[in-house]
Amino acid sequence: MTEKQIEQLLKDYHWMINSVRIMRENLRDAGDGLTAQYGIEAIMPKAKGETSDPVYREVIRRSKHYEKIIGYESKVHMIQERIHVITDVRESEVLHWILEGKGYSWIARHMGLSHTHIKRIFSSIAKQMAENVQDVQNVQKCI
């Protein structure tokens, strides 16, 4: 992964965590409100190319939803595996607040630093994590 990709993952981390939590909760529901058709609706011709079974369509929708959850989880996991790389106190504080969803201005006010200094720290964090990804990939190639 590139440094820019890592930066984007760090910025997206907070909403991805929240989305995974909410999506998992929604998947626990067993398709409330799905009923079979009765009467005239049951014998009417159906559109070609798609099933009229509401349960089947719900299964398809949920499987796509689940794939999205898996994607978010893999991105979140990738960041979580690399948090240990950041050892500097200021960098780890900035990382913590970025992962909590705070913006540069808020972090700058909180830490008493300039907005541009927070950006430089953030870039350093992303660079270290990107280097760690490359190091891990190089080790895996050697094995």
C-alpha atoms as a PDB file:
ATOM      1  CA  MET A   1       0.000   0.000   0.000  1.00  0.00           C
ATOM      2  CA  THR A   2       1.128   3.508  -0.696  1.00  0.00           C
ATOM      3  CA  GLU A   3       1.406   6.300   1.822  1.00  0.00           C
ATOM      4  CA  LYS A   4      -1.649   8.027   0.312  1.00  0.00           C
ATOM      5  CA  GLN A   5      -3.714   4.852   0.609  1.00  0.00           C
ATOM      6  CA  ILE A   6      -2.697   4.498   4.259  1.00  0.00           C
ATOM      7  CA  GLU A   7      -3.639   8.145   4.867  1.00  0.00           C
ATOM      8  CA  GLN A   8      -7.076   7.527   3.398  1.00  0.00           C
ATOM      9  CA  LEU A   9      -7.561   4.392   5.511  1.00  0.00           C
ATOM     10  CA  LEU A  10      -6.598   6.310   8.642  1.00  0.00           C
ATOM     11  CA  LYS A  11      -9.107   9.047   7.802  1.00  0.00           C
ATOM     12  CA  ASP A  12     -11.836   6.485   7.024  1.00  0.00           C
ATOM     13  CA  TYR A  13     -11.124   4.263  10.052  1.00  0.00           C
ATOM     14  CA  HIS A  14     -13.661   5.865  12.402  1.00  0.00           C
ATOM     15  CA  TRP A  15     -16.665   5.651  10.089  1.00  0.00           C
ATOM     16  CA  MET A  16     -15.705   2.149   8.928  1.00  0.00           C
ATOM     17  CA  ILE A  17     -15.688   0.900  12.538  1.00  0.00           C
ATOM     18  CA  ASN A  18     -19.087   2.474  13.143  1.00  0.00           C
ATOM     19  CA  SER A  19     -20.462   1.076   9.876  1.00  0.00           C
ATOM     20  CA  VAL A  20     -19.284  -2.441  10.688  1.00  0.00           C
ATOM     21  CA  ARG A  21     -20.955  -2.278  14.103  1.00  0.00           C
ATOM     22  CA  ILE A  22     -24.255  -1.002  12.692  1.00  0.00           C
ATOM     23  CA  MET A  23     -24.210  -3.372   9.703  1.00  0.00           C
ATOM     24  CA  ARG A  24     -23.624  -6.374  11.973  1.00  0.00           C
ATOM     25  CA  GLU A  25     -26.560  -5.335  14.146  1.00  0.00           C
ATOM     26  CA  ASN A  26     -28.779  -5.050  11.079  1.00  0.00           C
ATOM     27  CA  LEU A  27     -27.774  -8.498   9.832  1.00  0.00           C
ATOM     28  CA  ARG A  28     -29.008 -10.034  13.090  1.00  0.00           C
ATOM     29  CA  ASP A  29     -32.594  -9.240  12.144  1.00  0.00           C
ATOM     30  CA  ALA A  30     -34.131 -12.234  10.405  1.00  0.00           C
ATOM     31  CA  GLY A  31     -35.767 -10.366   7.544  1.00  0.00           C
ATOM     32  CA  ASP A  32     -38.769  -8.929   9.342  1.00  0.00           C
ATOM     33  CA  GLY A  33     -41.690  -8.076   7.115  1.00  0.00           C
ATOM     34  CA  LEU A  34     -40.975 -10.667   4.421  1.00  0.00           C
ATOM     35  CA  THR A  35     -44.212 -12.443   3.570  1.00  0.00           C
ATOM     36  CA  ALA A  36     -45.380 -14.616   0.743  1.00  0.00           C
ATOM     37  CA  GLN A  37     -47.953 -13.322  -1.709  1.00  0.00           C
ATOM     38  CA  TYR A  38     -51.508 -14.568  -1.528  1.00  0.00           C
ATOM     39  CA  GLY A  39     -54.611 -14.255  -3.659  1.00  0.00           C
ATOM     40  CA  ILE A  40     -54.487 -12.654  -7.076  1.00  0.00           C
ATOM     41  CA  GLU A  41     -50.906 -11.396  -6.557  1.00  0.00           C
ATOM     42  CA  ALA A  42     -49.655 -14.962  -6.200  1.00  0.00           C
ATOM     43  CA  ILE A  43     -50.938 -16.068  -9.618  1.00  0.00           C
ATOM     44  CA  MET A  44     -50.110 -12.952 -11.626  1.00  0.00           C
ATOM     45  CA  PRO A  45     -47.234 -13.230 -14.115  1.00  0.00           C
ATOM     46  CA  LYS A  46     -43.877 -12.131 -12.768  1.00  0.00           C
ATOM     47  CA  ALA A  47     -41.252 -10.000 -14.466  1.00  0.00           C
ATOM     48  CA  LYS A  48     -38.633 -11.996 -16.339  1.00  0.00           C
ATOM     49  CA  GLY A  49     -35.031 -11.964 -15.198  1.00  0.00           C
ATOM     50  CA  GLU A  50     -35.571 -11.720 -11.469  1.00  0.00           C
ATOM     51  CA  THR A  51     -37.191 -13.821  -8.832  1.00  0.00           C
ATOM     52  CA  SER A  52     -40.299 -12.690  -7.040  1.00  0.00           C
ATOM     53  CA  ASP A  53     -39.302 -14.544  -3.886  1.00  0.00           C
ATOM     54  CA  PRO A  54     -38.752 -11.818  -1.288  1.00  0.00           C
ATOM     55  CA  VAL A  55     -36.732 -14.104   0.975  1.00  0.00           C
ATOM     56  CA  TYR A  56     -34.312 -14.989  -1.810  1.00  0.00           C
ATOM     57  CA  ARG A  57     -33.878 -11.315  -2.740  1.00  0.00           C
ATOM     58  CA  GLU A  58     -33.238 -10.503   0.912  1.00  0.00           C
ATOM     59  CA  VAL A  59     -30.570 -13.221   1.073  1.00  0.00           C
ATOM     60  CA  ILE A  60     -28.868 -11.740  -2.000  1.00  0.00           C
ATOM     61  CA  ARG A  61     -29.026  -8.229  -0.538  1.00  0.00           C
ATOM     62  CA  ARG A  62     -27.609  -9.397   2.783  1.00  0.00           C
ATOM     63  CA  SER A  63     -24.792 -11.354   1.152  1.00  0.00           C
ATOM     64  CA  LYS A  64     -23.688  -8.212  -0.707  1.00  0.00           C
ATOM     65  CA  HIS A  65     -23.955  -6.299   2.544  1.00  0.00           C
ATOM     66  CA  TYR A  66     -21.840  -8.948   4.277  1.00  0.00           C
ATOM     67  CA  GLU A  67     -19.145  -8.675   1.585  1.00  0.00           C
ATOM     68  CA  LYS A  68     -18.971  -4.942   2.283  1.00  0.00           C
ATOM     69  CA  ILE A  69     -18.530  -5.659   6.001  1.00  0.00           C
ATOM     70  CA  ILE A  70     -15.682  -8.072   5.229  1.00  0.00           C
ATOM     71  CA  GLY A  71     -13.977  -5.385   3.117  1.00  0.00           C
ATOM     72  CA  TYR A  72     -14.260  -2.755   5.854  1.00  0.00           C
ATOM     73  CA  GLU A  73     -13.024  -5.223   8.479  1.00  0.00           C
ATOM     74  CA  SER A  74      -9.936  -6.117   6.438  1.00  0.00           C
ATOM     75  CA  LYS A  75      -9.031  -2.430   6.067  1.00  0.00           C
ATOM     76  CA  VAL A  76      -9.596  -1.765   9.770  1.00  0.00           C
ATOM     77  CA  HIS A  77      -7.572  -4.849  10.681  1.00  0.00           C
ATOM     78  CA  MET A  78      -4.698  -3.703   8.478  1.00  0.00           C
ATOM     79  CA  ILE A  79      -4.502  -0.413  10.411  1.00  0.00           C
ATOM     80  CA  GLN A  80      -4.875  -2.136  13.790  1.00  0.00           C
ATOM     81  CA  GLU A  81      -1.969  -4.476  12.997  1.00  0.00           C
ATOM     82  CA  ARG A  82       0.311  -1.480  12.395  1.00  0.00           C
ATOM     83  CA  ILE A  83      -0.526   0.759  15.346  1.00  0.00           C
ATOM     84  CA  HIS A  84       2.464  -0.687  17.222  1.00  0.00           C
ATOM     85  CA  VAL A  85       4.797   0.836  14.602  1.00  0.00           C
ATOM     86  CA  ILE A  86       4.080   4.321  15.975  1.00  0.00           C
ATOM     87  CA  THR A  87       6.211   4.764  19.097  1.00  0.00           C
ATOM     88  CA  ASP A  88       6.647   8.544  19.377  1.00  0.00           C
ATOM     89  CA  VAL A  89       4.358  10.089  22.010  1.00  0.00           C
ATOM     90  CA  ARG A  90       3.113  12.935  19.817  1.00  0.00           C
ATOM     91  CA  GLU A  91       2.573  10.659  16.856  1.00  0.00           C
ATOM     92  CA  SER A  92       0.637   8.116  18.911  1.00  0.00           C
ATOM     93  CA  GLU A  93      -1.540  10.916  20.356  1.00  0.00           C
ATOM     94  CA  VAL A  94      -2.309  12.246  16.861  1.00  0.00           C
ATOM     95  CA  LEU A  95      -2.987   8.700  15.649  1.00  0.00           C
ATOM     96  CA  HIS A  96      -5.386   8.095  18.531  1.00  0.00           C
ATOM     97  CA  TRP A  97      -7.426  11.189  17.727  1.00  0.00           C
ATOM     98  CA  ILE A  98      -7.405  10.509  13.976  1.00  0.00           C
ATOM     99  CA  LEU A  99      -8.761   7.018  14.646  1.00  0.00           C
ATOM    100  CA  GLU A 100     -11.430   8.598  16.870  1.00  0.00           C
ATOM    101  CA  GLY A 101     -12.554  10.652  13.870  1.00  0.00           C
ATOM    102  CA  LYS A 102     -11.205  14.056  14.924  1.00  0.00           C
ATOM    103  CA  GLY A 103      -9.983  16.548  12.336  1.00  0.00           C
ATOM    104  CA  TYR A 104      -6.613  18.263  12.102  1.00  0.00           C
ATOM    105  CA  SER A 105      -7.921  21.548  13.533  1.00  0.00           C
ATOM    106  CA  TRP A 106      -9.463  19.871  16.568  1.00  0.00           C
ATOM    107  CA  ILE A 107      -6.284  17.883  17.235  1.00  0.00           C
ATOM    108  CA  ALA A 108      -4.141  21.006  16.806  1.00  0.00           C
ATOM    109  CA  ARG A 109      -6.229  22.918  19.364  1.00  0.00           C
ATOM    110  CA  HIS A 110      -6.225  19.956  21.736  1.00  0.00           C
ATOM    111  CA  MET A 111      -2.447  19.498  21.577  1.00  0.00           C
ATOM    112  CA  GLY A 112      -1.524  23.170  21.319  1.00  0.00           C
ATOM    113  CA  LEU A 113       0.204  22.693  17.978  1.00  0.00           C
ATOM    114  CA  SER A 114      -0.337  24.242  14.564  1.00  0.00           C
ATOM    115  CA  HIS A 115      -2.603  22.715  11.951  1.00  0.00           C
ATOM    116  CA  THR A 116       0.344  22.238   9.574  1.00  0.00           C
ATOM    117  CA  HIS A 117       2.403  20.556  12.288  1.00  0.00           C
ATOM    118  CA  ILE A 118      -0.416  18.035  12.811  1.00  0.00           C
ATOM    119  CA  LYS A 119      -0.449  17.397   9.047  1.00  0.00           C
ATOM    120  CA  ARG A 120       3.309  16.720   9.101  1.00  0.00           C
ATOM    121  CA  ILE A 121       2.901  14.330  12.036  1.00  0.00           C
ATOM    122  CA  PHE A 122       0.037  12.594  10.220  1.00  0.00           C
ATOM    123  CA  SER A 123       2.171  12.214   7.086  1.00  0.00           C
ATOM    124  CA  SER A 124       4.954  10.731   9.190  1.00  0.00           C
ATOM    125  CA  ILE A 125       2.519   8.217  10.699  1.00  0.00           C
ATOM    126  CA  ALA A 126       1.265   7.183   7.257  1.00  0.00           C
ATOM    127  CA  LYS A 127       4.825   6.884   5.954  1.00  0.00           C
ATOM    128  CA  GLN A 128       5.868   4.622   8.841  1.00  0.00           C
ATOM    129  CA  MET A 129       2.823   2.403   8.374  1.00  0.00           C
ATOM    130  CA  ALA A 130       3.387   2.200   4.610  1.00  0.00           C
ATOM    131  CA  GLU A 131       7.016   1.197   5.196  1.00  0.00           C
ATOM    132  CA  ASN A 132       5.825  -1.480   7.616  1.00  0.00           C
ATOM    133  CA  VAL A 133       3.464  -2.860   4.952  1.00  0.00           C
ATOM    134  CA  GLN A 134       6.358  -3.023   2.469  1.00  0.00           C
ATOM    135  CA  ASP A 135       8.633  -4.676   5.054  1.00  0.00           C
ATOM    136  CA  VAL A 136       6.012  -7.338   5.774  1.00  0.00           C
ATOM    137  CA  GLN A 137       5.526  -7.956   2.030  1.00  0.00           C
ATOM    138  CA  ASN A 138       9.300  -8.310   1.527  1.00  0.00           C
ATOM    139  CA  VAL A 139       9.545 -10.826   4.387  1.00  0.00           C
ATOM    140  CA  GLN A 140       6.644 -12.826   2.940  1.00  0.00           C
ATOM    141  CA  LYS A 141       8.378 -12.959  -0.454  1.00  0.00           C
ATOM    142  CA  CYS A 142      11.502 -14.399   1.173  1.00  0.00           C
ATOM    143  CA  ILE A 143       9.554 -17.180   2.872  1.00  0.00           C
END
